[in-house]
Amino acid sequence: MAAEATQGTISVKRAASFSRKNLRMTAGEAIKRLAENDARLTTCDLSNSAVLQMKANELMPKLGEALANNTVCTELNLASCGIDDASCEHLGTALQRNSTLTLLNLEGNKVHNDGAIALANGLAVNKGLLTLNLLNQTGARYGDQTLQAYLNMFDTNVTLLKIVWRLESRKSFSLTKMLTRNNDIDRRIKAGKEYAELLPEGVVYQGAPLTASKSDENSDAVAPRTSGRKSATTPAQAKVEAIKRELELLDAEHVEAIAALEAEFDKKVEQLKAESEATAAPAPEMHKKWSNPLFFSEVAARPRTAAHEELERRDSGLGISKFMPHVQVEGYEQLMPHHFLVAQNN
């Protein structure tokens, strides 16, 4: 009995410990701790927050302001929180000032074109975010204007390494190329190599290869962030990395070339269709006459003659051209029944 009681007590303690570990913060508590720069809050998980979904207009401005001044939190999970375009305005403003956050998860929300553009505007200034997740946005289909905003963002952003989303545009290949460039810069920094030639025009370069530090994050010059790990790179590993980079660039160029060929093919098809429609022969006039019910009314209203009576008497309608002299229509023979034409030809 004593052993069973002891084991039951241990089970209860383990269950209680598990519950405490999985106890979720409320949105209000998370905003408070972010604003206070709580050193223990390096990861903030507010996914599926019902409070955020109901009070987004009230809480998102506060969350954006707290995040803008935070220097501790590196991961923010806002998946399935009902985040919309208005909320992204606050997040975009926060990204302009925050250089600590490395992962922003917005999966399963309602971020449409305006919201995505607001995030791109923030990332154009940001120097810290490595991964942005925009997958599975309800009713969202990002257009060329949105994707162009992200291409423009990469003119100044050399730190973003990954965007998780689903695109249906040929601009996606150009975006992949920009992400490949940023990953190349990141690899060179980790290997202690020069990366100045990879920087876009106008981006400040500080000279020798640098690894990101707190002082770099607060400077005006661009210094891409690293994971903080120091790893020795052998010549063989460096060669492998160089081959991988070349293959990635070749793959991006291959996909872009295919897209260009498809676009040219579609253009040719449309051109041929237009030419075919322009040169199509007009319908014969006789078709217009026979499709007009007034014509048949006019024929039916004419008085019956001996030819009509003879036609009704005969079984095969032989010699119809002789018995129906009142029907005078150009091209009529082409529309007459087959046995009439045979009889007339014979």
C-alpha atoms as a PDB file:
ATOM      1  CA  MET A   1       0.000   0.000   0.000  1.00  0.00           C
ATOM      2  CA  ALA A   2       2.788   2.373   0.933  1.00  0.00           C
ATOM      3  CA  ALA A   3       4.592   1.662  -2.344  1.00  0.00           C
ATOM      4  CA  GLU A   4       1.420   2.298  -4.350  1.00  0.00           C
ATOM      5  CA  ALA A   5       0.814   5.574  -2.496  1.00  0.00           C
ATOM      6  CA  THR A   6       4.389   6.706  -3.163  1.00  0.00           C
ATOM      7  CA  GLN A   7       4.137   5.877  -6.870  1.00  0.00           C
ATOM      8  CA  GLY A   8       0.811   7.724  -7.114  1.00  0.00           C
ATOM      9  CA  THR A   9       2.363  10.806  -5.505  1.00  0.00           C
ATOM     10  CA  ILE A  10       5.235  10.729  -8.006  1.00  0.00           C
ATOM     11  CA  SER A  11       2.779  10.488 -10.919  1.00  0.00           C
ATOM     12  CA  VAL A  12       0.822  13.495  -9.650  1.00  0.00           C
ATOM     13  CA  LYS A  13       4.019  15.518  -9.277  1.00  0.00           C
ATOM     14  CA  ARG A  14       5.120  14.621 -12.821  1.00  0.00           C
ATOM     15  CA  ALA A  15       1.717  15.622 -14.210  1.00  0.00           C
ATOM     16  CA  ALA A  16       1.837  18.914 -12.341  1.00  0.00           C
ATOM     17  CA  SER A  17       5.358  19.575 -13.616  1.00  0.00           C
ATOM     18  CA  PHE A  18       4.273  18.814 -17.201  1.00  0.00           C
ATOM     19  CA  SER A  19       1.326  21.205 -16.867  1.00  0.00           C
ATOM     20  CA  ARG A  20       3.543  24.011 -15.600  1.00  0.00           C
ATOM     21  CA  LYS A  21       5.974  23.522 -18.485  1.00  0.00           C
ATOM     22  CA  ASN A  22       3.175  23.742 -21.033  1.00  0.00           C
ATOM     23  CA  LEU A  23       1.336  26.632 -19.391  1.00  0.00           C
ATOM     24  CA  ARG A  24       0.835  29.272 -22.074  1.00  0.00           C
ATOM     25  CA  MET A  25       1.277  32.983 -21.554  1.00  0.00           C
ATOM     26  CA  THR A  26      -1.649  35.252 -22.151  1.00  0.00           C
ATOM     27  CA  ALA A  27      -1.299  37.964 -24.780  1.00  0.00           C
ATOM     28  CA  GLY A  28      -1.336  40.658 -22.126  1.00  0.00           C
ATOM     29  CA  GLU A  29       1.427  38.967 -20.120  1.00  0.00           C
ATOM     30  CA  ALA A  30       3.567  38.470 -23.216  1.00  0.00           C
ATOM     31  CA  ILE A  31       3.242  42.135 -24.198  1.00  0.00           C
ATOM     32  CA  LYS A  32       4.169  43.192 -20.655  1.00  0.00           C
ATOM     33  CA  ARG A  33       7.278  40.993 -20.565  1.00  0.00           C
ATOM     34  CA  LEU A  34       8.378  42.093 -24.033  1.00  0.00           C
ATOM     35  CA  ALA A  35       7.989  45.738 -23.042  1.00  0.00           C
ATOM     36  CA  GLU A  36      10.016  45.114 -19.850  1.00  0.00           C
ATOM     37  CA  ASN A  37      12.732  43.349 -21.883  1.00  0.00           C
ATOM     38  CA  ASP A  38      12.466  40.246 -19.707  1.00  0.00           C
ATOM     39  CA  ALA A  39      15.780  38.401 -20.100  1.00  0.00           C
ATOM     40  CA  ARG A  40      14.055  35.003 -19.769  1.00  0.00           C
ATOM     41  CA  LEU A  41      11.669  35.621 -22.663  1.00  0.00           C
ATOM     42  CA  THR A  42      13.820  34.625 -25.643  1.00  0.00           C
ATOM     43  CA  THR A  43      10.936  32.734 -27.286  1.00  0.00           C
ATOM     44  CA  CYS A  44       7.400  34.124 -27.298  1.00  0.00           C
ATOM     45  CA  ASP A  45       4.678  31.688 -28.380  1.00  0.00           C
ATOM     46  CA  LEU A  46       1.211  33.206 -28.793  1.00  0.00           C
ATOM     47  CA  SER A  47      -0.029  30.816 -31.469  1.00  0.00           C
ATOM     48  CA  ASN A  48      -3.790  30.176 -31.536  1.00  0.00           C
ATOM     49  CA  SER A  49      -4.389  32.994 -29.067  1.00  0.00           C
ATOM     50  CA  ALA A  50      -8.137  33.545 -28.813  1.00  0.00           C
ATOM     51  CA  VAL A  51      -7.545  36.857 -27.017  1.00  0.00           C
ATOM     52  CA  LEU A  52      -5.458  38.198 -29.901  1.00  0.00           C
ATOM     53  CA  GLN A  53      -8.115  37.096 -32.366  1.00  0.00           C
ATOM     54  CA  MET A  54     -10.846  38.961 -30.466  1.00  0.00           C
ATOM     55  CA  LYS A  55      -8.868  42.056 -29.456  1.00  0.00           C
ATOM     56  CA  ALA A  56      -6.394  42.476 -32.326  1.00  0.00           C
ATOM     57  CA  ASN A  57      -7.205  46.176 -32.809  1.00  0.00           C
ATOM     58  CA  GLU A  58      -6.432  46.844 -29.161  1.00  0.00           C
ATOM     59  CA  LEU A  59      -3.469  44.518 -28.565  1.00  0.00           C
ATOM     60  CA  MET A  60      -1.478  44.565 -31.821  1.00  0.00           C
ATOM     61  CA  PRO A  61      -0.387  48.232 -31.514  1.00  0.00           C
ATOM     62  CA  LYS A  62       0.880  47.432 -27.994  1.00  0.00           C
ATOM     63  CA  LEU A  63       2.613  44.279 -29.161  1.00  0.00           C
ATOM     64  CA  GLY A  64       4.269  46.146 -32.024  1.00  0.00           C
ATOM     65  CA  GLU A  65       5.560  48.867 -29.718  1.00  0.00           C
ATOM     66  CA  ALA A  66       6.870  46.342 -27.180  1.00  0.00           C
ATOM     67  CA  LEU A  67       8.603  44.343 -29.916  1.00  0.00           C
ATOM     68  CA  ALA A  68      10.191  47.435 -31.455  1.00  0.00           C
ATOM     69  CA  ASN A  69      12.163  48.166 -28.264  1.00  0.00           C
ATOM     70  CA  ASN A  70      12.894  44.556 -27.263  1.00  0.00           C
ATOM     71  CA  THR A  71      16.499  43.299 -27.390  1.00  0.00           C
ATOM     72  CA  VAL A  72      15.986  39.803 -25.934  1.00  0.00           C
ATOM     73  CA  CYS A  73      13.284  37.892 -27.806  1.00  0.00           C
ATOM     74  CA  THR A  74      14.582  36.047 -30.879  1.00  0.00           C
ATOM     75  CA  GLU A  75      11.473  34.052 -31.869  1.00  0.00           C
ATOM     76  CA  LEU A  76       7.867  35.249 -32.070  1.00  0.00           C
ATOM     77  CA  ASN A  77       5.121  32.784 -32.956  1.00  0.00           C
ATOM     78  CA  LEU A  78       1.822  34.397 -33.982  1.00  0.00           C
ATOM     79  CA  ALA A  79       0.458  31.455 -35.985  1.00  0.00           C
ATOM     80  CA  SER A  80      -3.354  31.255 -36.263  1.00  0.00           C
ATOM     81  CA  CYS A  81      -4.002  34.463 -34.338  1.00  0.00           C
ATOM     82  CA  GLY A  82      -6.220  36.195 -36.893  1.00  0.00           C
ATOM     83  CA  ILE A  83      -3.423  38.592 -37.894  1.00  0.00           C
ATOM     84  CA  ASP A  84      -4.668  40.799 -40.742  1.00  0.00           C
ATOM     85  CA  ASP A  85      -3.269  43.624 -42.871  1.00  0.00           C
ATOM     86  CA  ALA A  86      -3.876  46.264 -40.181  1.00  0.00           C
ATOM     87  CA  SER A  87      -1.933  44.179 -37.642  1.00  0.00           C
ATOM     88  CA  CYS A  88       0.945  43.817 -40.103  1.00  0.00           C
ATOM     89  CA  GLU A  89       1.302  47.600 -40.209  1.00  0.00           C
ATOM     90  CA  HIS A  90       2.343  47.483 -36.536  1.00  0.00           C
ATOM     91  CA  LEU A  91       4.627  44.488 -37.077  1.00  0.00           C
ATOM     92  CA  GLY A  92       6.268  46.190 -40.064  1.00  0.00           C
ATOM     93  CA  THR A  93       6.979  49.297 -37.995  1.00  0.00           C
ATOM     94  CA  ALA A  94       8.423  47.110 -35.230  1.00  0.00           C
ATOM     95  CA  LEU A  95      10.745  45.333 -37.684  1.00  0.00           C
ATOM     96  CA  GLN A  96      12.219  48.686 -38.715  1.00  0.00           C
ATOM     97  CA  ARG A  97      13.485  49.206 -35.157  1.00  0.00           C
ATOM     98  CA  ASN A  98      14.053  45.656 -33.914  1.00  0.00           C
ATOM     99  CA  SER A  99      17.332  43.903 -34.774  1.00  0.00           C
ATOM    100  CA  THR A 100      17.115  40.988 -32.332  1.00  0.00           C
ATOM    101  CA  LEU A 101      14.201  38.952 -33.655  1.00  0.00           C
ATOM    102  CA  THR A 102      15.385  36.167 -35.984  1.00  0.00           C
ATOM    103  CA  LEU A 103      12.128  34.245 -36.594  1.00  0.00           C
ATOM    104  CA  LEU A 104       8.621  35.590 -37.173  1.00  0.00           C
ATOM    105  CA  ASN A 105       5.914  32.964 -37.673  1.00  0.00           C
ATOM    106  CA  LEU A 106       2.653  34.294 -39.151  1.00  0.00           C
ATOM    107  CA  GLU A 107       1.379  31.024 -40.603  1.00  0.00           C
ATOM    108  CA  GLY A 108      -2.369  30.475 -40.856  1.00  0.00           C
ATOM    109  CA  ASN A 109      -3.504  34.093 -40.577  1.00  0.00           C
ATOM    110  CA  LYS A 110      -5.163  36.624 -42.909  1.00  0.00           C
ATOM    111  CA  VAL A 111      -2.161  38.493 -44.277  1.00  0.00           C
ATOM    112  CA  HIS A 112      -3.094  39.712 -47.767  1.00  0.00           C
ATOM    113  CA  ASN A 113      -1.232  41.964 -50.202  1.00  0.00           C
ATOM    114  CA  ASP A 114      -1.304  45.167 -48.132  1.00  0.00           C
ATOM    115  CA  GLY A 115      -0.108  43.369 -45.010  1.00  0.00           C
ATOM    116  CA  ALA A 116       2.679  41.577 -46.865  1.00  0.00           C
ATOM    117  CA  ILE A 117       3.837  44.880 -48.356  1.00  0.00           C
ATOM    118  CA  ALA A 118       3.880  46.456 -44.876  1.00  0.00           C
ATOM    119  CA  LEU A 119       6.164  43.640 -43.704  1.00  0.00           C
ATOM    120  CA  ALA A 120       8.413  44.122 -46.754  1.00  0.00           C
ATOM    121  CA  ASN A 121       8.750  47.827 -45.952  1.00  0.00           C
ATOM    122  CA  GLY A 122       9.832  46.927 -42.434  1.00  0.00           C
ATOM    123  CA  LEU A 123      12.303  44.313 -43.661  1.00  0.00           C
ATOM    124  CA  ALA A 124      13.890  46.842 -46.015  1.00  0.00           C
ATOM    125  CA  VAL A 125      15.346  48.478 -42.890  1.00  0.00           C
ATOM    126  CA  ASN A 126      15.625  45.392 -40.666  1.00  0.00           C
ATOM    127  CA  LYS A 127      19.032  43.781 -40.066  1.00  0.00           C
ATOM    128  CA  GLY A 128      18.156  40.812 -37.887  1.00  0.00           C
ATOM    129  CA  LEU A 129      15.264  38.657 -39.136  1.00  0.00           C
ATOM    130  CA  LEU A 130      16.395  35.395 -40.724  1.00  0.00           C
ATOM    131  CA  THR A 131      13.091  33.569 -41.331  1.00  0.00           C
ATOM    132  CA  LEU A 132       9.595  34.820 -42.163  1.00  0.00           C
ATOM    133  CA  ASN A 133       6.694  32.347 -42.358  1.00  0.00           C
ATOM    134  CA  LEU A 134       3.697  33.508 -44.422  1.00  0.00           C
ATOM    135  CA  LEU A 135       2.292  30.107 -45.324  1.00  0.00           C
ATOM    136  CA  ASN A 136      -1.456  29.351 -45.521  1.00  0.00           C
ATOM    137  CA  GLN A 137      -2.918  32.848 -45.404  1.00  0.00           C
ATOM    138  CA  THR A 138      -6.717  32.664 -45.696  1.00  0.00           C
ATOM    139  CA  GLY A 139      -7.899  34.035 -49.043  1.00  0.00           C
ATOM    140  CA  ALA A 140      -4.489  35.467 -49.919  1.00  0.00           C
ATOM    141  CA  ARG A 141      -2.960  35.418 -53.367  1.00  0.00           C
ATOM    142  CA  TYR A 142       0.097  37.619 -53.618  1.00  0.00           C
ATOM    143  CA  GLY A 143       0.207  39.670 -56.809  1.00  0.00           C
ATOM    144  CA  ASP A 144       3.100  41.142 -58.765  1.00  0.00           C
ATOM    145  CA  GLN A 145       2.945  44.412 -56.827  1.00  0.00           C
ATOM    146  CA  THR A 146       3.521  42.566 -53.553  1.00  0.00           C
ATOM    147  CA  LEU A 147       6.353  40.465 -54.949  1.00  0.00           C
ATOM    148  CA  GLN A 148       7.962  43.556 -56.459  1.00  0.00           C
ATOM    149  CA  ALA A 149       7.918  45.118 -52.981  1.00  0.00           C
ATOM    150  CA  TYR A 150       9.944  42.135 -51.727  1.00  0.00           C
ATOM    151  CA  LEU A 151      12.365  42.384 -54.643  1.00  0.00           C
ATOM    152  CA  ASN A 152      12.853  46.062 -53.781  1.00  0.00           C
ATOM    153  CA  MET A 153      13.352  45.081 -50.142  1.00  0.00           C
ATOM    154  CA  PHE A 154      16.322  42.915 -51.120  1.00  0.00           C
ATOM    155  CA  ASP A 155      18.058  46.038 -52.494  1.00  0.00           C
ATOM    156  CA  THR A 156      18.891  46.881 -48.882  1.00  0.00           C
ATOM    157  CA  ASN A 157      18.275  43.665 -46.929  1.00  0.00           C
ATOM    158  CA  VAL A 158      21.135  41.140 -46.957  1.00  0.00           C
ATOM    159  CA  THR A 159      20.201  39.225 -43.797  1.00  0.00           C
ATOM    160  CA  LEU A 160      16.841  37.562 -44.535  1.00  0.00           C
ATOM    161  CA  LEU A 161      17.592  33.929 -45.413  1.00  0.00           C
ATOM    162  CA  LYS A 162      14.204  32.253 -45.780  1.00  0.00           C
ATOM    163  CA  ILE A 163      10.591  33.141 -46.628  1.00  0.00           C
ATOM    164  CA  VAL A 164       8.050  30.350 -46.232  1.00  0.00           C
ATOM    165  CA  TRP A 165       5.067  30.966 -48.539  1.00  0.00           C
ATOM    166  CA  ARG A 166       3.367  29.687 -51.675  1.00  0.00           C
ATOM    167  CA  LEU A 167       3.610  31.783 -54.821  1.00  0.00           C
ATOM    168  CA  GLU A 168       2.083  31.543 -58.292  1.00  0.00           C
ATOM    169  CA  SER A 169       4.191  34.091 -60.119  1.00  0.00           C
ATOM    170  CA  ARG A 170       7.280  34.082 -62.297  1.00  0.00           C
ATOM    171  CA  LYS A 171       8.762  36.707 -59.973  1.00  0.00           C
ATOM    172  CA  SER A 172       9.254  33.883 -57.456  1.00  0.00           C
ATOM    173  CA  PHE A 173      12.392  32.849 -59.356  1.00  0.00           C
ATOM    174  CA  SER A 174      13.932  36.301 -58.921  1.00  0.00           C
ATOM    175  CA  LEU A 175      13.054  36.184 -55.215  1.00  0.00           C
ATOM    176  CA  THR A 176      14.743  32.802 -54.902  1.00  0.00           C
ATOM    177  CA  LYS A 177      17.840  34.293 -56.470  1.00  0.00           C
ATOM    178  CA  MET A 178      17.910  37.076 -53.888  1.00  0.00           C
ATOM    179  CA  LEU A 179      17.525  34.610 -51.016  1.00  0.00           C
ATOM    180  CA  THR A 180      20.360  32.552 -52.495  1.00  0.00           C
ATOM    181  CA  ARG A 181      22.535  35.670 -52.512  1.00  0.00           C
ATOM    182  CA  ASN A 182      21.800  36.370 -48.840  1.00  0.00           C
ATOM    183  CA  ASN A 183      22.560  32.761 -47.895  1.00  0.00           C
ATOM    184  CA  ASP A 184      25.824  33.032 -49.805  1.00  0.00           C
ATOM    185  CA  ILE A 185      26.731  36.152 -47.841  1.00  0.00           C
ATOM    186  CA  ASP A 186      25.869  34.370 -44.582  1.00  0.00           C
ATOM    187  CA  ARG A 187      28.072  31.374 -45.482  1.00  0.00           C
ATOM    188  CA  ARG A 188      31.010  33.600 -46.378  1.00  0.00           C
ATOM    189  CA  ILE A 189      30.748  35.433 -43.076  1.00  0.00           C
ATOM    190  CA  LYS A 190      30.708  32.166 -41.138  1.00  0.00           C
ATOM    191  CA  ALA A 191      33.761  31.019 -43.101  1.00  0.00           C
ATOM    192  CA  GLY A 192      35.554  34.317 -42.457  1.00  0.00           C
ATOM    193  CA  LYS A 193      35.658  35.252 -46.119  1.00  0.00           C
ATOM    194  CA  GLU A 194      35.126  38.458 -48.054  1.00  0.00           C
ATOM    195  CA  TYR A 195      31.566  39.172 -49.167  1.00  0.00           C
ATOM    196  CA  ALA A 196      31.773  42.765 -50.414  1.00  0.00           C
ATOM    197  CA  GLU A 197      31.225  41.799 -54.064  1.00  0.00           C
ATOM    198  CA  LEU A 198      27.884  40.190 -53.177  1.00  0.00           C
ATOM    199  CA  LEU A 199      26.399  43.257 -51.527  1.00  0.00           C
ATOM    200  CA  PRO A 200      23.821  45.213 -53.554  1.00  0.00           C
ATOM    201  CA  GLU A 201      24.787  48.639 -54.806  1.00  0.00           C
ATOM    202  CA  GLY A 202      24.529  51.333 -52.160  1.00  0.00           C
ATOM    203  CA  VAL A 203      24.787  49.019 -49.150  1.00  0.00           C
ATOM    204  CA  VAL A 204      27.629  50.072 -46.853  1.00  0.00           C
ATOM    205  CA  TYR A 205      30.489  47.604 -46.504  1.00  0.00           C
ATOM    206  CA  GLN A 206      32.803  47.845 -43.499  1.00  0.00           C
ATOM    207  CA  GLY A 207      35.928  46.261 -44.965  1.00  0.00           C
ATOM    208  CA  ALA A 208      37.191  42.911 -43.662  1.00  0.00           C
ATOM    209  CA  PRO A 209      34.886  39.924 -43.183  1.00  0.00           C
ATOM    210  CA  LEU A 210      32.786  40.440 -40.080  1.00  0.00           C
ATOM    211  CA  THR A 211      30.684  38.346 -37.742  1.00  0.00           C
ATOM    212  CA  ALA A 212      27.640  40.014 -36.281  1.00  0.00           C
ATOM    213  CA  SER A 213      27.823  41.378 -32.764  1.00  0.00           C
ATOM    214  CA  LYS A 214      25.642  43.605 -30.628  1.00  0.00           C
ATOM    215  CA  SER A 215      27.624  46.660 -31.701  1.00  0.00           C
ATOM    216  CA  ASP A 216      27.152  45.719 -35.364  1.00  0.00           C
ATOM    217  CA  GLU A 217      23.382  45.392 -34.881  1.00  0.00           C
ATOM    218  CA  ASN A 218      23.129  48.967 -33.658  1.00  0.00           C
ATOM    219  CA  SER A 219      25.364  50.417 -36.359  1.00  0.00           C
ATOM    220  CA  ASP A 220      24.222  51.960 -39.613  1.00  0.00           C
ATOM    221  CA  ALA A 221      26.363  49.680 -41.748  1.00  0.00           C
ATOM    222  CA  VAL A 222      25.127  46.250 -42.742  1.00  0.00           C
ATOM    223  CA  ALA A 223      26.583  43.285 -40.896  1.00  0.00           C
ATOM    224  CA  PRO A 224      24.569  40.100 -41.389  1.00  0.00           C
ATOM    225  CA  ARG A 225      23.755  38.110 -38.276  1.00  0.00           C
ATOM    226  CA  THR A 226      25.138  34.662 -37.627  1.00  0.00           C
ATOM    227  CA  SER A 227      24.120  31.918 -35.281  1.00  0.00           C
ATOM    228  CA  GLY A 228      27.075  32.673 -33.007  1.00  0.00           C
ATOM    229  CA  ARG A 229      28.776  29.300 -33.609  1.00  0.00           C
ATOM    230  CA  LYS A 230      32.430  29.343 -34.641  1.00  0.00           C
ATOM    231  CA  SER A 231      33.205  26.488 -36.962  1.00  0.00           C
ATOM    232  CA  ALA A 232      36.515  25.746 -38.615  1.00  0.00           C
ATOM    233  CA  THR A 233      36.115  25.352 -42.367  1.00  0.00           C
ATOM    234  CA  THR A 234      38.549  23.101 -44.193  1.00  0.00           C
ATOM    235  CA  PRO A 235      39.515  23.722 -47.843  1.00  0.00           C
ATOM    236  CA  ALA A 236      37.490  20.669 -48.886  1.00  0.00           C
ATOM    237  CA  GLN A 237      34.389  21.969 -47.091  1.00  0.00           C
ATOM    238  CA  ALA A 238      34.844  25.391 -48.646  1.00  0.00           C
ATOM    239  CA  LYS A 239      35.044  23.791 -52.097  1.00  0.00           C
ATOM    240  CA  VAL A 240      31.862  21.816 -51.442  1.00  0.00           C
ATOM    241  CA  GLU A 241      30.066  24.986 -50.333  1.00  0.00           C
ATOM    242  CA  ALA A 242      31.239  26.813 -53.453  1.00  0.00           C
ATOM    243  CA  ILE A 243      29.910  24.009 -55.680  1.00  0.00           C
ATOM    244  CA  LYS A 244      26.582  24.074 -53.823  1.00  0.00           C
ATOM    245  CA  ARG A 245      26.281  27.822 -54.385  1.00  0.00           C
ATOM    246  CA  GLU A 246      27.019  27.444 -58.078  1.00  0.00           C
ATOM    247  CA  LEU A 247      24.414  24.704 -58.405  1.00  0.00           C
ATOM    248  CA  GLU A 248      21.803  26.830 -56.627  1.00  0.00           C
ATOM    249  CA  LEU A 249      22.461  29.749 -58.956  1.00  0.00           C
ATOM    250  CA  LEU A 250      22.351  27.500 -62.020  1.00  0.00           C
ATOM    251  CA  ASP A 251      19.083  26.004 -60.835  1.00  0.00           C
ATOM    252  CA  ALA A 252      17.573  29.460 -60.346  1.00  0.00           C
ATOM    253  CA  GLU A 253      18.740  30.531 -63.817  1.00  0.00           C
ATOM    254  CA  HIS A 254      17.336  27.313 -65.327  1.00  0.00           C
ATOM    255  CA  VAL A 255      13.927  27.861 -63.756  1.00  0.00           C
ATOM    256  CA  GLU A 256      13.906  31.493 -64.855  1.00  0.00           C
ATOM    257  CA  ALA A 257      14.809  30.501 -68.437  1.00  0.00           C
ATOM    258  CA  ILE A 258      11.939  27.995 -68.520  1.00  0.00           C
ATOM    259  CA  ALA A 259       9.554  30.673 -67.296  1.00  0.00           C
ATOM    260  CA  ALA A 260      10.739  33.029 -70.036  1.00  0.00           C
ATOM    261  CA  LEU A 261      10.187  30.357 -72.688  1.00  0.00           C
ATOM    262  CA  GLU A 262       6.704  29.644 -71.368  1.00  0.00           C
ATOM    263  CA  ALA A 263       5.859  33.341 -71.492  1.00  0.00           C
ATOM    264  CA  GLU A 264       7.134  33.583 -75.085  1.00  0.00           C
ATOM    265  CA  PHE A 265       5.121  30.500 -76.047  1.00  0.00           C
ATOM    266  CA  ASP A 266       1.934  31.925 -74.520  1.00  0.00           C
ATOM    267  CA  LYS A 267       2.530  35.184 -76.378  1.00  0.00           C
ATOM    268  CA  LYS A 268       2.913  33.348 -79.708  1.00  0.00           C
ATOM    269  CA  VAL A 269      -0.267  31.354 -79.104  1.00  0.00           C
ATOM    270  CA  GLU A 270      -2.252  34.521 -78.403  1.00  0.00           C
ATOM    271  CA  GLN A 271      -0.789  36.159 -81.526  1.00  0.00           C
ATOM    272  CA  LEU A 272      -1.765  33.198 -83.717  1.00  0.00           C
ATOM    273  CA  LYS A 273      -5.279  33.186 -82.271  1.00  0.00           C
ATOM    274  CA  ALA A 274      -5.670  36.891 -83.051  1.00  0.00           C
ATOM    275  CA  GLU A 275      -4.415  36.414 -86.620  1.00  0.00           C
ATOM    276  CA  SER A 276      -6.734  33.437 -87.147  1.00  0.00           C
ATOM    277  CA  GLU A 277      -9.758  35.404 -85.963  1.00  0.00           C
ATOM    278  CA  ALA A 278      -8.837  38.367 -88.150  1.00  0.00           C
ATOM    279  CA  THR A 279      -8.540  36.253 -91.330  1.00  0.00           C
ATOM    280  CA  ALA A 280     -11.552  33.994 -90.717  1.00  0.00           C
ATOM    281  CA  ALA A 281     -13.912  33.834 -93.780  1.00  0.00           C
ATOM    282  CA  PRO A 282     -17.302  35.482 -93.241  1.00  0.00           C
ATOM    283  CA  ALA A 283     -20.403  33.270 -93.268  1.00  0.00           C
ATOM    284  CA  PRO A 284     -22.122  32.930 -96.720  1.00  0.00           C
ATOM    285  CA  GLU A 285     -25.076  35.169 -97.331  1.00  0.00           C
ATOM    286  CA  MET A 286     -27.318  32.170 -97.990  1.00  0.00           C
ATOM    287  CA  HIS A 287     -26.827  31.044 -94.373  1.00  0.00           C
ATOM    288  CA  LYS A 288     -28.133  34.377 -93.223  1.00  0.00           C
ATOM    289  CA  LYS A 289     -31.176  34.024 -95.474  1.00  0.00           C
ATOM    290  CA  TRP A 290     -32.005  30.522 -94.342  1.00  0.00           C
ATOM    291  CA  SER A 291     -31.523  31.410 -90.688  1.00  0.00           C
ATOM    292  CA  ASN A 292     -34.120  34.181 -91.004  1.00  0.00           C
ATOM    293  CA  PRO A 293     -37.626  32.897 -90.078  1.00  0.00           C
ATOM    294  CA  LEU A 294     -39.210  35.708 -92.119  1.00  0.00           C
ATOM    295  CA  PHE A 295     -37.893  34.090 -95.298  1.00  0.00           C
ATOM    296  CA  PHE A 296     -39.745  30.849 -94.605  1.00  0.00           C
ATOM    297  CA  SER A 297     -42.871  32.783 -93.701  1.00  0.00           C
ATOM    298  CA  GLU A 298     -42.689  34.525 -97.052  1.00  0.00           C
ATOM    299  CA  VAL A 299     -42.311  31.238 -98.934  1.00  0.00           C
ATOM    300  CA  ALA A 300     -45.109  29.563 -96.969  1.00  0.00           C
ATOM    301  CA  ALA A 301     -47.456  32.487 -97.654  1.00  0.00           C
ATOM    302  CA  ARG A 302     -47.178  32.116-101.426  1.00  0.00           C
ATOM    303  CA  PRO A 303     -50.219  30.485-103.134  1.00  0.00           C
ATOM    304  CA  ARG A 304     -50.170  26.774-103.800  1.00  0.00           C
ATOM    305  CA  THR A 305     -49.771  25.717-107.426  1.00  0.00           C
ATOM    306  CA  ALA A 306     -50.148  22.560-109.452  1.00  0.00           C
ATOM    307  CA  ALA A 307     -46.482  21.897-108.719  1.00  0.00           C
ATOM    308  CA  HIS A 308     -47.256  21.576-105.002  1.00  0.00           C
ATOM    309  CA  GLU A 309     -50.001  19.081-105.645  1.00  0.00           C
ATOM    310  CA  GLU A 310     -47.775  17.073-107.965  1.00  0.00           C
ATOM    311  CA  LEU A 311     -44.989  17.091-105.340  1.00  0.00           C
ATOM    312  CA  GLU A 312     -47.312  15.762-102.687  1.00  0.00           C
ATOM    313  CA  ARG A 313     -48.523  13.036-105.042  1.00  0.00           C
ATOM    314  CA  ARG A 314     -45.053  11.770-105.920  1.00  0.00           C
ATOM    315  CA  ASP A 315     -43.128   9.647-103.392  1.00  0.00           C
ATOM    316  CA  SER A 316     -39.541  10.594-104.205  1.00  0.00           C
ATOM    317  CA  GLY A 317     -39.850  14.227-105.180  1.00  0.00           C
ATOM    318  CA  LEU A 318     -38.293  13.638-108.589  1.00  0.00           C
ATOM    319  CA  GLY A 319     -37.748  16.741-110.662  1.00  0.00           C
ATOM    320  CA  ILE A 320     -38.269  19.184-107.801  1.00  0.00           C
ATOM    321  CA  SER A 321     -36.459  21.973-109.688  1.00  0.00           C
ATOM    322  CA  LYS A 322     -39.301  21.857-112.260  1.00  0.00           C
ATOM    323  CA  PHE A 323     -42.162  21.692-109.748  1.00  0.00           C
ATOM    324  CA  MET A 324     -40.968  24.508-107.439  1.00  0.00           C
ATOM    325  CA  PRO A 325     -40.062  27.375-109.756  1.00  0.00           C
ATOM    326  CA  HIS A 326     -41.187  29.974-107.190  1.00  0.00           C
ATOM    327  CA  VAL A 327     -38.243  29.178-104.834  1.00  0.00           C
ATOM    328  CA  GLN A 328     -35.349  31.269-106.126  1.00  0.00           C
ATOM    329  CA  VAL A 329     -32.497  31.513-103.587  1.00  0.00           C
ATOM    330  CA  GLU A 330     -28.800  31.648-104.410  1.00  0.00           C
ATOM    331  CA  GLY A 331     -27.070  28.540-103.146  1.00  0.00           C
ATOM    332  CA  TYR A 332     -30.401  26.778-102.457  1.00  0.00           C
ATOM    333  CA  GLU A 333     -29.103  23.519-103.986  1.00  0.00           C
ATOM    334  CA  GLN A 334     -26.479  23.280-101.212  1.00  0.00           C
ATOM    335  CA  LEU A 335     -29.176  23.123 -98.567  1.00  0.00           C
ATOM    336  CA  MET A 336     -31.673  20.799-100.364  1.00  0.00           C
ATOM    337  CA  PRO A 337     -32.199  17.220 -99.081  1.00  0.00           C
ATOM    338  CA  HIS A 338     -29.898  14.634-100.601  1.00  0.00           C
ATOM    339  CA  HIS A 339     -32.562  12.698-102.517  1.00  0.00           C
ATOM    340  CA  PHE A 340     -33.764  15.950-104.099  1.00  0.00           C
ATOM    341  CA  LEU A 341     -30.285  16.702-105.402  1.00  0.00           C
ATOM    342  CA  VAL A 342     -29.885  13.167-106.775  1.00  0.00           C
ATOM    343  CA  ALA A 343     -33.188  13.404-108.586  1.00  0.00           C
ATOM    344  CA  GLN A 344     -32.310  16.813-110.005  1.00  0.00           C
ATOM    345  CA  ASN A 345     -28.898  15.688-111.221  1.00  0.00           C
ATOM    346  CA  ASN A 346     -30.415  12.625-112.874  1.00  0.00           C
END
